[in-house]
Amino acid sequence: MGTRFLLASGFACLLLLAACAELTQARCIRGDCFDGDGTLGWPNGERHKGDFVEGVPQGAGHHAWPDGRVYIGSYSEGLISG
């Protein structure tokens, strides 16, 4: 494999790790974000309010991003499903 490929692969892995680190910084700021209704917040201002099952969004939810985008709808195993 060439040096460029290895460098690009390494850079891609670092980006993925940084994205995962951002996801783990979310904190429950209201209610029950494990098994119930709660609000999860990230340091960047992103918020998710809705139902949680075992810490994962499930059922009805409202997600707001810092740039003003909003999703209101259904979640299945943490993924938008509606």
N, C-alpha and C. Protein backbone atom coordinates (compact mmCIF):
# COMPACT_ATOMS: atom_id res chain seq x y z
N MET A 1 0.84 -1.19 0.00
CA MET A 1 0.00 0.00 0.00
C MET A 1 0.88 1.24 0.00
N GLY A 2 0.41 2.25 -0.67
CA GLY A 2 1.17 3.47 -0.76
C GLY A 2 1.08 4.32 0.49
N THR A 3 2.03 5.21 0.64
CA THR A 3 2.07 6.11 1.79
C THR A 3 0.85 7.01 1.84
N ARG A 4 0.40 7.48 0.69
CA ARG A 4 -0.78 8.36 0.67
C ARG A 4 -2.01 7.64 1.18
N PHE A 5 -2.18 6.38 0.78
CA PHE A 5 -3.33 5.61 1.24
C PHE A 5 -3.29 5.44 2.75
N LEU A 6 -2.13 5.12 3.29
CA LEU A 6 -1.99 4.93 4.73
C LEU A 6 -2.27 6.23 5.49
N LEU A 7 -1.77 7.35 4.97
CA LEU A 7 -2.03 8.64 5.61
C LEU A 7 -3.51 8.99 5.57
N ALA A 8 -4.14 8.76 4.42
CA ALA A 8 -5.56 9.05 4.29
C ALA A 8 -6.39 8.16 5.21
N SER A 9 -6.03 6.90 5.32
CA SER A 9 -6.74 5.97 6.20
C SER A 9 -6.59 6.40 7.66
N GLY A 10 -5.39 6.79 8.03
CA GLY A 10 -5.16 7.25 9.40
C GLY A 10 -5.95 8.50 9.72
N PHE A 11 -6.01 9.42 8.77
CA PHE A 11 -6.76 10.66 8.96
C PHE A 11 -8.25 10.35 9.10
N ALA A 12 -8.76 9.44 8.29
CA ALA A 12 -10.18 9.05 8.36
C ALA A 12 -10.50 8.44 9.72
N CYS A 13 -9.60 7.63 10.23
CA CYS A 13 -9.81 7.03 11.56
C CYS A 13 -9.84 8.10 12.65
N LEU A 14 -8.98 9.09 12.56
CA LEU A 14 -8.97 10.18 13.54
C LEU A 14 -10.28 10.97 13.50
N LEU A 15 -10.79 11.23 12.29
CA LEU A 15 -12.07 11.93 12.17
C LEU A 15 -13.20 11.12 12.80
N LEU A 16 -13.21 9.83 12.57
CA LEU A 16 -14.23 8.96 13.14
C LEU A 16 -14.15 8.96 14.66
N LEU A 17 -12.95 8.87 15.20
CA LEU A 17 -12.78 8.91 16.66
C LEU A 17 -13.25 10.24 17.24
N ALA A 18 -12.97 11.34 16.56
CA ALA A 18 -13.41 12.65 17.03
C ALA A 18 -14.93 12.74 17.03
N ALA A 19 -15.57 12.19 16.00
CA ALA A 19 -17.03 12.20 15.94
C ALA A 19 -17.62 11.37 17.06
N CYS A 20 -17.04 10.22 17.34
CA CYS A 20 -17.53 9.37 18.42
C CYS A 20 -17.33 10.04 19.77
N ALA A 21 -16.24 10.74 19.96
CA ALA A 21 -15.99 11.44 21.21
C ALA A 21 -17.05 12.50 21.44
N GLU A 22 -17.48 13.19 20.38
CA GLU A 22 -18.52 14.21 20.50
C GLU A 22 -19.83 13.57 20.93
N LEU A 23 -20.15 12.39 20.40
CA LEU A 23 -21.39 11.71 20.76
C LEU A 23 -21.40 11.31 22.23
N THR A 24 -20.25 10.93 22.77
CA THR A 24 -20.21 10.47 24.15
C THR A 24 -20.25 11.62 25.14
N GLN A 25 -20.15 12.86 24.67
CA GLN A 25 -20.19 14.00 25.58
C GLN A 25 -21.61 14.43 25.92
N ALA A 26 -22.60 13.78 25.36
CA ALA A 26 -23.99 14.12 25.65
C ALA A 26 -24.30 13.78 27.10
N ARG A 27 -25.15 14.64 27.69
CA ARG A 27 -25.55 14.43 29.09
C ARG A 27 -27.04 14.59 29.23
N CYS A 28 -27.62 13.84 30.13
CA CYS A 28 -29.04 13.98 30.42
C CYS A 28 -29.21 15.27 31.22
N ILE A 29 -29.96 16.21 30.67
CA ILE A 29 -30.12 17.50 31.35
C ILE A 29 -31.51 17.65 31.98
N ARG A 30 -32.41 16.69 31.68
CA ARG A 30 -33.74 16.75 32.28
C ARG A 30 -34.41 15.39 32.14
N GLY A 31 -35.07 14.95 33.17
CA GLY A 31 -35.86 13.72 33.10
C GLY A 31 -35.03 12.45 33.16
N ASP A 32 -35.56 11.40 32.52
CA ASP A 32 -34.95 10.08 32.53
C ASP A 32 -34.50 9.72 31.11
N CYS A 33 -33.21 9.85 30.84
CA CYS A 33 -32.66 9.57 29.51
C CYS A 33 -32.20 8.13 29.37
N PHE A 34 -32.57 7.28 30.33
CA PHE A 34 -32.22 5.88 30.19
C PHE A 34 -33.46 5.05 29.85
N ASP A 35 -34.48 5.11 30.66
CA ASP A 35 -35.73 4.40 30.40
C ASP A 35 -36.90 5.31 30.77
N GLY A 36 -37.22 6.23 29.88
CA GLY A 36 -38.33 7.14 30.15
C GLY A 36 -38.28 8.33 29.22
N ASP A 37 -38.82 9.43 29.69
CA ASP A 37 -38.86 10.68 28.91
C ASP A 37 -37.80 11.62 29.45
N GLY A 38 -36.96 12.13 28.57
CA GLY A 38 -35.91 13.02 29.02
C GLY A 38 -35.36 13.90 27.91
N THR A 39 -34.41 14.74 28.30
CA THR A 39 -33.74 15.63 27.36
C THR A 39 -32.24 15.41 27.46
N LEU A 40 -31.65 15.08 26.33
CA LEU A 40 -30.21 14.86 26.22
C LEU A 40 -29.60 16.08 25.58
N GLY A 41 -28.50 16.58 26.12
CA GLY A 41 -27.85 17.77 25.58
C GLY A 41 -26.37 17.55 25.33
N TRP A 42 -25.87 18.17 24.26
CA TRP A 42 -24.45 18.12 23.91
C TRP A 42 -23.83 19.49 24.16
N PRO A 43 -22.52 19.55 24.37
CA PRO A 43 -21.85 20.83 24.62
C PRO A 43 -22.01 21.84 23.48
N ASN A 44 -22.25 21.37 22.25
CA ASN A 44 -22.39 22.28 21.11
C ASN A 44 -23.80 22.89 21.01
N GLY A 45 -24.69 22.54 21.94
CA GLY A 45 -26.05 23.09 21.94
C GLY A 45 -27.09 22.18 21.34
N GLU A 46 -26.68 21.06 20.78
CA GLU A 46 -27.62 20.09 20.22
C GLU A 46 -28.46 19.49 21.35
N ARG A 47 -29.76 19.25 21.08
CA ARG A 47 -30.66 18.71 22.09
C ARG A 47 -31.55 17.63 21.49
N HIS A 48 -31.83 16.60 22.29
CA HIS A 48 -32.83 15.60 21.91
C HIS A 48 -33.77 15.42 23.08
N LYS A 49 -35.06 15.64 22.83
CA LYS A 49 -36.08 15.44 23.85
C LYS A 49 -37.02 14.36 23.36
N GLY A 50 -37.27 13.39 24.22
CA GLY A 50 -38.18 12.32 23.81
C GLY A 50 -38.08 11.11 24.69
N ASP A 51 -38.56 10.01 24.15
CA ASP A 51 -38.57 8.74 24.87
C ASP A 51 -37.25 8.01 24.67
N PHE A 52 -36.79 7.35 25.74
CA PHE A 52 -35.55 6.59 25.70
C PHE A 52 -35.81 5.18 26.23
N VAL A 53 -35.14 4.20 25.63
CA VAL A 53 -35.15 2.82 26.10
C VAL A 53 -33.70 2.37 26.18
N GLU A 54 -33.26 2.03 27.38
CA GLU A 54 -31.88 1.63 27.63
C GLU A 54 -30.88 2.67 27.10
N GLY A 55 -31.20 3.95 27.27
CA GLY A 55 -30.31 5.03 26.91
C GLY A 55 -30.31 5.43 25.44
N VAL A 56 -31.21 4.84 24.66
CA VAL A 56 -31.26 5.09 23.21
C VAL A 56 -32.62 5.68 22.85
N PRO A 57 -32.65 6.74 22.02
CA PRO A 57 -33.94 7.29 21.59
C PRO A 57 -34.81 6.21 20.93
N GLN A 58 -36.07 6.12 21.38
CA GLN A 58 -37.00 5.12 20.88
C GLN A 58 -38.40 5.70 20.97
N GLY A 59 -39.13 5.70 19.86
CA GLY A 59 -40.48 6.25 19.86
C GLY A 59 -40.46 7.71 19.43
N ALA A 60 -41.35 8.49 20.04
CA ALA A 60 -41.49 9.90 19.67
C ALA A 60 -40.31 10.72 20.18
N GLY A 61 -39.87 11.69 19.36
CA GLY A 61 -38.76 12.53 19.79
C GLY A 61 -38.68 13.83 19.01
N HIS A 62 -37.92 14.76 19.58
CA HIS A 62 -37.71 16.09 19.00
C HIS A 62 -36.22 16.36 19.10
N HIS A 63 -35.58 16.56 17.95
CA HIS A 63 -34.13 16.80 17.94
C HIS A 63 -33.86 18.16 17.32
N ALA A 64 -33.07 18.97 18.01
CA ALA A 64 -32.74 20.31 17.52
C ALA A 64 -31.22 20.46 17.45
N TRP A 65 -30.75 20.96 16.30
CA TRP A 65 -29.33 21.22 16.09
C TRP A 65 -29.05 22.70 16.29
N PRO A 66 -27.82 23.06 16.64
CA PRO A 66 -27.46 24.46 16.89
C PRO A 66 -27.68 25.39 15.69
N ASP A 67 -27.66 24.83 14.47
CA ASP A 67 -27.83 25.67 13.28
C ASP A 67 -29.30 25.95 12.95
N GLY A 68 -30.22 25.48 13.81
CA GLY A 68 -31.64 25.76 13.63
C GLY A 68 -32.44 24.63 13.03
N ARG A 69 -31.78 23.58 12.53
CA ARG A 69 -32.53 22.44 11.99
C ARG A 69 -33.24 21.72 13.12
N VAL A 70 -34.44 21.20 12.82
CA VAL A 70 -35.25 20.49 13.81
C VAL A 70 -35.87 19.27 13.15
N TYR A 71 -35.89 18.15 13.87
CA TYR A 71 -36.61 16.96 13.44
C TYR A 71 -37.60 16.61 14.54
N ILE A 72 -38.85 16.43 14.17
CA ILE A 72 -39.88 15.98 15.10
C ILE A 72 -40.50 14.74 14.47
N GLY A 73 -40.39 13.62 15.16
CA GLY A 73 -40.94 12.39 14.59
C GLY A 73 -40.55 11.17 15.39
N SER A 74 -40.45 10.04 14.70
CA SER A 74 -40.21 8.75 15.34
C SER A 74 -38.75 8.33 15.27
N TYR A 75 -38.35 7.56 16.29
CA TYR A 75 -37.03 6.97 16.36
C TYR A 75 -37.17 5.47 16.62
N SER A 76 -36.28 4.71 16.02
CA SER A 76 -36.23 3.27 16.25
C SER A 76 -34.78 2.90 16.52
N GLU A 77 -34.51 2.42 17.71
CA GLU A 77 -33.16 2.04 18.12
C GLU A 77 -32.15 3.15 17.89
N GLY A 78 -32.55 4.39 18.17
CA GLY A 78 -31.65 5.53 18.09
C GLY A 78 -31.58 6.20 16.73
N LEU A 79 -32.26 5.63 15.73
CA LEU A 79 -32.21 6.19 14.38
C LEU A 79 -33.55 6.79 13.99
N ILE A 80 -33.51 7.87 13.22
CA ILE A 80 -34.73 8.48 12.71
C ILE A 80 -35.47 7.45 11.88
N SER A 81 -36.76 7.29 12.13
CA SER A 81 -37.51 6.25 11.40
C SER A 81 -38.83 6.77 10.82
N GLY A 82 -39.02 8.06 10.79
CA GLY A 82 -40.29 8.56 10.27
C GLY A 82 -40.14 9.78 9.42
